[in-house]
C-alpha atoms as a PDB file:
ATOM      1  CA  MET A   1      62.522  -5.098 -13.561  1.00  0.00           C
ATOM      2  CA  LYS A   2      62.683  -1.441 -12.902  1.00  0.00           C
ATOM      3  CA  LYS A   3      59.578   0.308 -11.577  1.00  0.00           C
ATOM      4  CA  THR A   4      58.734   3.664 -13.141  1.00  0.00           C
ATOM      5  CA  GLY A   5      58.091   6.748 -11.026  1.00  0.00           C
ATOM      6  CA  GLY A   6      59.771   5.530  -7.871  1.00  0.00           C
ATOM      7  CA  GLU A   7      62.783   4.009  -6.194  1.00  0.00           C
ATOM      8  CA  MET A   8      63.557   0.355  -6.208  1.00  0.00           C
ATOM      9  CA  PRO A   9      62.575  -1.107  -2.810  1.00  0.00           C
ATOM     10  CA  SER A  10      65.514  -2.487  -0.835  1.00  0.00           C
ATOM     11  CA  ALA A  11      65.512  -5.525   1.370  1.00  0.00           C
ATOM     12  CA  ASP A  12      65.122  -3.475   4.584  1.00  0.00           C
ATOM     13  CA  ASP A  13      61.924  -1.657   3.285  1.00  0.00           C
ATOM     14  CA  ALA A  14      60.034  -4.926   2.486  1.00  0.00           C
ATOM     15  CA  PRO A  15      58.323  -5.426   5.926  1.00  0.00           C
ATOM     16  CA  ALA A  16      57.329  -1.864   6.176  1.00  0.00           C
ATOM     17  CA  GLU A  17      55.751  -1.891   2.745  1.00  0.00           C
ATOM     18  CA  ASN A  18      53.892  -5.146   3.550  1.00  0.00           C
ATOM     19  CA  ALA A  19      52.548  -3.573   6.713  1.00  0.00           C
ATOM     20  CA  GLU A  20      51.434  -0.509   4.801  1.00  0.00           C
ATOM     21  CA  SER A  21      49.748  -2.551   2.147  1.00  0.00           C
ATOM     22  CA  ALA A  22      48.091  -4.764   4.781  1.00  0.00           C
ATOM     23  CA  GLU A  23      46.859  -1.580   6.456  1.00  0.00           C
ATOM     24  CA  ILE A  24      45.521  -0.250   3.130  1.00  0.00           C
ATOM     25  CA  ILE A  25      43.757  -3.543   2.552  1.00  0.00           C
ATOM     26  CA  ASP A  26      42.193  -3.504   5.974  1.00  0.00           C
ATOM     27  CA  ARG A  27      40.974   0.051   5.497  1.00  0.00           C
ATOM     28  CA  ALA A  28      39.428  -0.839   2.176  1.00  0.00           C
ATOM     29  CA  ARG A  29      37.723  -3.821   3.630  1.00  0.00           C
ATOM     30  CA  LEU A  30      36.353  -1.668   6.463  1.00  0.00           C
ATOM     31  CA  GLN A  31      35.099   0.890   3.988  1.00  0.00           C
ATOM     32  CA  ALA A  32      33.416  -1.823   1.951  1.00  0.00           C
ATOM     33  CA  ASP A  33      31.724  -3.195   5.166  1.00  0.00           C
ATOM     34  CA  VAL A  34      30.437   0.288   6.005  1.00  0.00           C
ATOM     35  CA  ALA A  35      29.144   0.789   2.438  1.00  0.00           C
ATOM     36  CA  GLN A  36      27.339  -2.580   2.597  1.00  0.00           C
ATOM     37  CA  GLN A  37      25.766  -1.566   5.991  1.00  0.00           C
ATOM     38  CA  ARG A  38      24.645   1.760   4.464  1.00  0.00           C
ATOM     39  CA  VAL A  39      23.066  -0.079   1.629  1.00  0.00           C
ATOM     40  CA  ARG A  40      21.178  -2.399   4.046  1.00  0.00           C
ATOM     41  CA  LEU A  41      19.979   0.644   6.039  1.00  0.00           C
ATOM     42  CA  ALA A  42      18.814   2.426   2.868  1.00  0.00           C
ATOM     43  CA  LYS A  43      16.944  -0.647   1.743  1.00  0.00           C
ATOM     44  CA  ASP A  44      15.256  -1.004   5.106  1.00  0.00           C
ATOM     45  CA  GLU A  45      14.347   2.711   5.062  1.00  0.00           C
ATOM     46  CA  LEU A  46      12.915   2.258   1.475  1.00  0.00           C
ATOM     47  CA  ARG A  47      10.862  -0.699   2.644  1.00  0.00           C
ATOM     48  CA  ARG A  48       9.522   1.281   5.650  1.00  0.00           C
ATOM     49  CA  ALA A  49       8.771   4.234   3.368  1.00  0.00           C
ATOM     50  CA  ARG A  50       6.763   1.952   0.949  1.00  0.00           C
ATOM     51  CA  LYS A  51       4.770   0.666   3.889  1.00  0.00           C
ATOM     52  CA  ARG A  52       4.003   4.212   5.076  1.00  0.00           C
ATOM     53  CA  LEU A  53       2.988   5.098   1.507  1.00  0.00           C
ATOM     54  CA  LYS A  54       0.596   2.118   1.315  1.00  0.00           C
ATOM     55  CA  GLU A  55      -0.982   3.029   4.599  1.00  0.00           C
ATOM     56  CA  ALA A  56      -1.334   6.664   3.593  1.00  0.00           C
ATOM     57  CA  LYS A  57      -3.086   5.503   0.431  1.00  0.00           C
ATOM     58  CA  ARG A  58      -5.415   3.367   2.394  1.00  0.00           C
ATOM     59  CA  GLU A  59      -6.221   6.171   4.769  1.00  0.00           C
ATOM     60  CA  ALA A  60      -6.817   8.541   1.817  1.00  0.00           C
ATOM     61  CA  LYS A  61      -9.169   6.088   0.240  1.00  0.00           C
ATOM     62  CA  ARG A  62     -11.079   5.628   3.588  1.00  0.00           C
ATOM     63  CA  THR A  63     -11.218   9.392   3.902  1.00  0.00           C
ATOM     64  CA  ARG A  64     -12.560   9.868   0.359  1.00  0.00           C
ATOM     65  CA  LYS A  65     -15.225   7.309   1.056  1.00  0.00           C
ATOM     66  CA  TYR A  66     -16.288   8.964   4.198  1.00  0.00           C
ATOM     67  CA  ALA A  67     -16.312  12.422   2.630  1.00  0.00           C
ATOM     68  CA  SER A  68     -18.532  11.037  -0.206  1.00  0.00           C
ATOM     69  CA  LEU A  69     -20.962   9.583   2.299  1.00  0.00           C
ATOM     70  CA  ALA A  70     -21.001  12.840   4.249  1.00  0.00           C
ATOM     71  CA  ARG A  71     -21.757  14.822   1.052  1.00  0.00           C
ATOM     72  CA  LYS A  72     -24.535  12.416   0.142  1.00  0.00           C
ATOM     73  CA  ASP A  73     -26.033  12.729   3.657  1.00  0.00           C
ATOM     74  CA  TRP A  74     -25.795  16.528   3.484  1.00  0.00           C
ATOM     75  CA  LYS A  75     -27.514  16.628   0.074  1.00  0.00           C
ATOM     76  CA  ARG A  76     -30.223  14.243   1.300  1.00  0.00           C
ATOM     77  CA  ALA A  77     -30.826  16.442   4.375  1.00  0.00           C
ATOM     78  CA  ARG A  78     -30.885  19.605   2.237  1.00  0.00           C
ATOM     79  CA  ARG A  79     -33.387  17.988  -0.220  1.00  0.00           C
ATOM     80  CA  GLN A  80     -35.564  16.877   2.685  1.00  0.00           C
ATOM     81  CA  ALA A  81     -35.511  20.475   4.127  1.00  0.00           C
ATOM     82  CA  GLU A  82     -36.487  21.894   0.767  1.00  0.00           C
ATOM     83  CA  LYS A  83     -39.218  19.367   0.376  1.00  0.00           C
ATOM     84  CA  GLU A  84     -40.616  20.315   3.875  1.00  0.00           C
ATOM     85  CA  GLY A  85     -40.555  24.003   2.792  1.00  0.00           C
ATOM     86  CA  SER A  86     -38.045  25.216   5.310  1.00  0.00           C
ATOM     87  CA  ALA A  87     -35.019  25.814   3.072  1.00  0.00           C
ATOM     88  CA  GLU A  88     -33.492  28.309   5.537  1.00  0.00           C
ATOM     89  CA  ALA A  89     -33.921  26.158   8.650  1.00  0.00           C
ATOM     90  CA  GLN A  90     -31.064  23.789   9.396  1.00  0.00           C
ATOM     91  CA  PRO A  91     -32.146  20.205  10.164  1.00  0.00           C
ATOM     92  CA  LYS A  92     -32.189  19.592  13.944  1.00  0.00           C
ATOM     93  CA  VAL A  93     -30.927  16.097  13.717  1.00  0.00           C
ATOM     94  CA  VAL A  94     -27.515  15.637  12.141  1.00  0.00           C
ATOM     95  CA  VAL A  95     -27.426  12.539   9.973  1.00  0.00           C
ATOM     96  CA  ALA A  96     -24.379  10.458  10.477  1.00  0.00           C
ATOM     97  CA  ALA A  97     -22.631   9.121   7.445  1.00  0.00           C
ATOM     98  CA  LYS A  98     -23.849   5.616   6.469  1.00  0.00           C
ATOM     99  CA  SER A  99     -21.589   2.734   7.208  1.00  0.00           C
ATOM    100  CA  THR A 100     -19.537   1.439   4.329  1.00  0.00           C
ATOM    101  CA  ARG A 101     -20.913  -1.183   2.046  1.00  0.00           C
ATOM    102  CA  LYS A 102     -20.473  -4.826   2.652  1.00  0.00           C
ATOM    103  CA  PRO A 103     -17.406  -6.407   1.071  1.00  0.00           C
ATOM    104  CA  LYS A 104     -17.815  -7.724  -2.427  1.00  0.00           C
ATOM    105  CA  ALA A 105     -16.272 -11.009  -1.649  1.00  0.00           C
ATOM    106  CA  LYS A 106     -19.034 -13.505  -0.901  1.00  0.00           C
ATOM    107  CA  SER A 107     -18.679 -16.754   0.933  1.00  0.00           C
ATOM    108  CA  ALA A 108     -18.825 -20.026  -0.834  1.00  0.00           C
ATOM    109  CA  ALA A 109     -22.064 -20.837   0.875  1.00  0.00           C
ATOM    110  CA  SER A 110     -23.867 -17.769  -0.298  1.00  0.00           C
ATOM    111  CA  ARG A 111     -22.610 -18.386  -3.861  1.00  0.00           C
ATOM    112  CA  PHE A 112     -23.924 -21.900  -3.677  1.00  0.00           C
ATOM    113  CA  ARG A 113     -27.299 -20.650  -2.461  1.00  0.00           C
ATOM    114  CA  ARG A 114     -27.524 -18.093  -5.140  1.00  0.00           C
ATOM    115  CA  SER A 115     -26.594 -20.504  -7.852  1.00  0.00           C
ATOM    116  CA  GLY A 116     -29.164 -22.902  -6.570  1.00  0.00           C
ATOM    117  CA  ARG A 117     -31.971 -20.234  -6.703  1.00  0.00           C
ATOM    118  CA  HIS A 118     -30.817 -19.290 -10.186  1.00  0.00           C
ATOM    119  CA  ALA A 119     -31.094 -22.913 -11.338  1.00  0.00           C
ATOM    120  CA  LYS A 120     -34.575 -23.264  -9.870  1.00  0.00           C
ATOM    121  CA  ARG A 121     -35.676 -20.066 -11.752  1.00  0.00           C
ATOM    122  CA  THR A 122     -34.372 -21.330 -15.056  1.00  0.00           C
ATOM    123  CA  ARG A 123     -36.192 -24.622 -14.504  1.00  0.00           C
ATOM    124  CA  ARG A 124     -39.376 -22.802 -13.776  1.00  0.00           C
ATOM    125  CA  ASN A 125     -38.982 -20.571 -16.778  1.00  0.00           C
ATOM    126  CA  SER A 126     -38.311 -23.573 -18.985  1.00  0.00           C
ATOM    127  CA  LYS A 127     -41.458 -25.367 -17.654  1.00  0.00           C
ATOM    128  CA  ALA A 128     -43.537 -22.381 -18.231  1.00  0.00           C
ATOM    129  CA  LYS A 129     -42.343 -22.081 -21.735  1.00  0.00           C
ATOM    130  CA  ALA A 130     -42.904 -25.769 -22.375  1.00  0.00           C
ATOM    131  CA  ALA A 131     -46.485 -25.507 -21.147  1.00  0.00           C
ATOM    132  CA  LYS A 132     -47.278 -22.569 -23.573  1.00  0.00           C
END
């Protein structure tokens, strides 16, 4: 069958064409490998960037908490100074920001103790109501 747009390959040209096509295939394979490596590197960079973003958000949250505590301390010191009658005088002792609150997560033992106290209160209340 005749090929359009080119000459018919002769028997002598066959090995050279095979070598060229093999070279083209190898080059394409190498380019695909490089592209896959670039994708892996981009994914790793994205993962690292997400970690940096999370850490930056945590740091911003810590900083906002600290700034809030510092403002509260400043207002408290200012009110105390106004109460003492020396509004112009700066307080001599700088009040440090309070430490952060305790975590909300309670241990199982404290929940158990709390529920036990609550149960006692309800029993006492029910006894008191029954006595009336």
